[in-house]
């Protein structure tokens, strides 16, 4: 009887240990490399040291509150209502080499949205894993952006959406999440109840 209780306790300990490792690791893999508010009233200059954990596609974007969805053009094809934002950005290595960069004018539009936010893509970024210095200059904001004044968008450099990943890390994040929700935690509940049953209830 004692050996069975020890076996159950050991399995519970192993499962809890996998969860204690998996969730912080998955957050580290998938968290945005950059997430900061920017002002619409001036030229924005950003300099940050970043660590890219895996060689997946990332996207530089501006994220607006959902209430501003109607103030962004629905299409990036241009037109009289376009908001054209000058943008210059780069990622450089510790040796000073430029790994990725962009310089031009970007049309802001409602590229994608959720129930709370709307995103407009600024650039697609893909570099090898490592440490980089990120530099970006946004602006000057055009007169057409005045209708967005009073909002505080956030500048994001985050993993590109979708399921077109190629690294084993994201496969592990995806399948590990499914296994945790549909296998590990239900099994933990059942084993915990079984352990309590044998530990607490008197034997007859």
Protein backbone atom coordinates (compact mmCIF):
# COMPACT_ATOMS: atom_id res chain seq x y z
CA UNK A 1 0.00 0.00 0.00
CA UNK A 2 2.78 2.38 0.93
CA UNK A 3 4.63 1.59 -2.29
CA UNK A 4 1.52 2.50 -4.31
CA UNK A 5 1.17 5.82 -2.47
CA UNK A 6 4.84 6.57 -3.08
CA UNK A 7 4.46 5.71 -6.75
CA UNK A 8 1.46 8.04 -7.09
CA UNK A 9 3.28 10.82 -5.23
CA UNK A 10 6.33 10.36 -7.48
CA UNK A 11 4.25 10.59 -10.66
CA UNK A 12 2.51 13.71 -9.35
CA UNK A 13 5.89 15.28 -8.56
CA UNK A 14 7.23 14.54 -12.05
CA UNK A 15 4.14 15.97 -13.74
CA UNK A 16 4.25 19.12 -11.62
CA UNK A 17 7.95 19.52 -12.44
CA UNK A 18 7.22 19.36 -16.18
CA UNK A 19 4.62 22.10 -15.80
CA UNK A 20 6.95 24.25 -13.72
CA UNK A 21 9.47 24.07 -16.57
CA UNK A 22 7.12 24.18 -19.57
CA UNK A 23 5.04 27.30 -18.85
CA UNK A 24 7.88 29.76 -18.07
CA UNK A 25 9.88 28.38 -21.02
CA UNK A 26 6.93 28.70 -23.43
CA UNK A 27 6.30 32.29 -22.29
CA UNK A 28 9.97 33.12 -22.85
CA UNK A 29 9.82 31.65 -26.36
CA UNK A 30 6.60 33.40 -27.42
CA UNK A 31 6.69 36.74 -25.57
CA UNK A 32 7.19 39.92 -27.67
CA UNK A 33 10.80 41.04 -28.02
CA UNK A 34 9.60 44.64 -27.78
CA UNK A 35 6.39 46.09 -26.33
CA UNK A 36 6.31 49.81 -25.54
CA UNK A 37 3.93 52.77 -25.85
CA UNK A 38 4.71 55.45 -28.43
CA UNK A 39 3.56 59.04 -28.79
CA UNK A 40 1.70 60.42 -31.79
CA UNK A 41 2.83 63.96 -31.00
CA UNK A 42 6.52 63.71 -31.84
CA UNK A 43 9.20 61.72 -33.63
CA UNK A 44 9.75 58.46 -31.77
CA UNK A 45 13.28 57.10 -31.37
CA UNK A 46 13.82 53.65 -29.88
CA UNK A 47 17.03 51.88 -28.86
CA UNK A 48 16.79 48.53 -27.11
CA UNK A 49 18.97 45.48 -26.57
CA UNK A 50 17.05 42.36 -27.55
CA UNK A 51 17.60 38.64 -27.39
CA UNK A 52 16.01 36.62 -30.19
CA UNK A 53 15.36 33.11 -28.81
CA UNK A 54 14.54 31.25 -32.05
CA UNK A 55 14.87 31.84 -35.78
CA UNK A 56 11.18 32.32 -36.55
CA UNK A 57 9.52 35.18 -38.47
CA UNK A 58 8.79 38.25 -36.34
CA UNK A 59 6.67 41.28 -37.15
CA UNK A 60 7.20 44.92 -36.26
CA UNK A 61 3.79 46.50 -35.78
CA UNK A 62 1.74 49.20 -34.09
CA UNK A 63 -1.12 48.07 -31.85
CA UNK A 64 -4.06 50.43 -31.31
CA UNK A 65 -7.05 50.05 -28.98
CA UNK A 66 -10.03 48.53 -30.80
CA UNK A 67 -12.02 51.76 -30.46
CA UNK A 68 -9.64 53.30 -33.04
CA UNK A 69 -10.41 50.66 -35.67
CA UNK A 70 -12.70 53.00 -37.60
CA UNK A 71 -10.01 55.69 -37.67
CA UNK A 72 -7.53 53.48 -39.53
CA UNK A 73 -7.93 52.90 -43.28
CA UNK A 74 -9.22 49.35 -43.87
CA UNK A 75 -6.78 48.81 -46.76
CA UNK A 76 -3.04 49.30 -47.18
CA UNK A 77 -3.34 49.83 -50.94
CA UNK A 78 -3.14 53.60 -50.59
CA UNK A 79 -5.61 56.35 -51.40
CA UNK A 80 -6.74 59.73 -50.20
CA UNK A 81 -7.28 58.47 -46.64
CA UNK A 82 -3.88 56.81 -46.26
CA UNK A 83 -1.70 57.53 -43.24
CA UNK A 84 1.89 57.38 -44.49
CA UNK A 85 4.43 57.03 -41.69
CA UNK A 86 8.19 57.47 -42.29
CA UNK A 87 9.96 54.53 -40.66
CA UNK A 88 13.61 53.57 -40.27
CA UNK A 89 14.68 50.54 -38.24
CA UNK A 90 17.58 48.12 -37.88
CA UNK A 91 18.82 45.13 -35.92
CA UNK A 92 22.59 45.02 -35.43
CA UNK A 93 24.79 42.39 -33.87
CA UNK A 94 27.29 42.93 -31.04
CA UNK A 95 29.97 43.26 -33.73
CA UNK A 96 28.06 46.13 -35.34
CA UNK A 97 26.89 44.19 -38.39
CA UNK A 98 23.39 44.91 -39.67
CA UNK A 99 21.31 41.73 -39.57
CA UNK A 100 18.07 43.30 -40.80
CA UNK A 101 16.86 46.80 -41.57
CA UNK A 102 14.24 48.90 -43.29
CA UNK A 103 13.94 52.50 -44.44
CA UNK A 104 10.92 54.01 -46.15
CA UNK A 105 7.33 55.12 -45.79
CA UNK A 106 4.79 52.71 -44.38
CA UNK A 107 1.03 52.99 -44.92
CA UNK A 108 -0.89 52.46 -41.70
CA UNK A 109 -4.04 50.38 -42.00
CA UNK A 110 -6.22 47.96 -40.06
CA UNK A 111 -4.31 44.83 -41.00
CA UNK A 112 -5.67 42.54 -38.26
CA UNK A 113 -7.68 42.87 -35.08
CA UNK A 114 -9.08 41.14 -32.04
CA UNK A 115 -11.90 42.02 -29.66
CA UNK A 116 -9.71 44.63 -27.93
CA UNK A 117 -6.96 45.72 -30.35
CA UNK A 118 -6.16 46.43 -33.97
CA UNK A 119 -2.70 45.92 -35.47
CA UNK A 120 -1.01 47.58 -38.42
CA UNK A 121 2.08 45.84 -39.74
CA UNK A 122 5.25 47.90 -40.24
CA UNK A 123 7.83 45.29 -41.28
CA UNK A 124 8.57 41.57 -41.37
CA UNK A 125 11.75 40.56 -39.56
CA UNK A 126 13.68 37.31 -39.58
CA UNK A 127 17.14 36.85 -38.06
CA UNK A 128 19.10 34.03 -36.47
CA UNK A 129 18.88 33.54 -32.70
CA UNK A 130 21.16 35.80 -30.69
CA UNK A 131 21.55 39.20 -29.07
CA UNK A 132 20.90 42.35 -31.10
CA UNK A 133 20.50 46.07 -30.71
CA UNK A 134 17.24 47.34 -32.10
CA UNK A 135 17.02 50.93 -33.34
CA UNK A 136 13.96 52.58 -34.84
CA UNK A 137 12.77 56.07 -35.76
CA UNK A 138 9.08 56.65 -36.43
CA UNK A 139 7.97 59.98 -37.81
CA UNK A 140 7.47 62.75 -38.28
CA UNK A 141 3.80 61.83 -38.08
CA UNK A 142 1.85 63.14 -41.09
CA UNK A 143 -1.08 65.54 -40.81
CA UNK A 144 -3.44 62.68 -41.72
CA UNK A 145 -2.57 61.02 -38.38
CA UNK A 146 -4.26 63.81 -36.44
CA UNK A 147 -7.45 61.77 -36.31
CA UNK A 148 -5.55 59.26 -34.20
CA UNK A 149 -4.37 61.83 -31.65
CA UNK A 150 -5.38 61.11 -28.11
CA UNK A 151 -4.57 57.41 -28.45
CA UNK A 152 -1.44 55.65 -27.24
CA UNK A 153 -0.48 52.86 -29.64
CA UNK A 154 2.15 50.30 -28.66
CA UNK A 155 5.17 49.41 -30.77
CA UNK A 156 5.57 45.64 -30.91
CA UNK A 157 8.22 43.31 -32.22
CA UNK A 158 6.57 39.93 -31.78
CA UNK A 159 6.43 36.52 -33.35
CA UNK A 160 4.45 36.51 -36.58
CA UNK A 161 0.94 35.13 -36.24
CA UNK A 162 -0.23 31.97 -37.91
CA UNK A 163 0.96 28.36 -37.78
CA UNK A 164 3.69 28.48 -40.43
CA UNK A 165 6.45 27.76 -37.93
CA UNK A 166 9.48 25.59 -38.65
CA UNK A 167 11.38 25.28 -35.35
CA UNK A 168 11.13 22.40 -32.91
CA UNK A 169 10.68 24.93 -30.10
CA UNK A 170 7.33 26.17 -31.40
CA UNK A 171 6.24 22.61 -32.12
CA UNK A 172 7.06 21.85 -28.49
CA UNK A 173 5.12 24.92 -27.33
CA UNK A 174 2.07 23.94 -29.39
CA UNK A 175 1.94 20.24 -28.55
CA UNK A 176 3.10 20.84 -24.99
CA UNK A 177 0.21 23.23 -24.44
CA UNK A 178 -2.30 20.70 -25.75
CA UNK A 179 -0.77 17.92 -23.66
CA UNK A 180 -0.84 20.10 -20.55
CA UNK A 181 -4.49 21.10 -20.89
CA UNK A 182 -5.96 17.80 -22.08
CA UNK A 183 -3.64 15.22 -20.50
CA UNK A 184 -1.33 16.41 -17.73
CA UNK A 185 -3.76 18.48 -15.65
CA UNK A 186 -6.65 15.99 -15.84
CA UNK A 187 -4.18 13.25 -14.88
CA UNK A 188 -2.91 15.38 -11.99
CA UNK A 189 -6.45 15.82 -10.72
CA UNK A 190 -7.18 12.09 -10.90
CA UNK A 191 -3.88 11.10 -9.26
CA UNK A 192 -4.33 13.76 -6.59
CA UNK A 193 -7.78 12.45 -5.72
CA UNK A 194 -6.47 8.89 -5.68
CA UNK A 195 -3.59 9.88 -3.41
CA UNK A 196 -5.92 11.72 -1.01
CA UNK A 197 -8.32 8.77 -1.02
CA UNK A 198 -5.62 6.40 0.09
CA UNK A 199 -3.90 8.90 2.39
CA UNK A 200 -6.78 10.49 4.24
CA UNK A 201 -9.70 8.09 4.29
CA UNK A 202 -9.48 5.32 6.87
CA UNK A 203 -9.08 1.80 5.66
CA UNK A 204 -11.94 -0.55 6.24
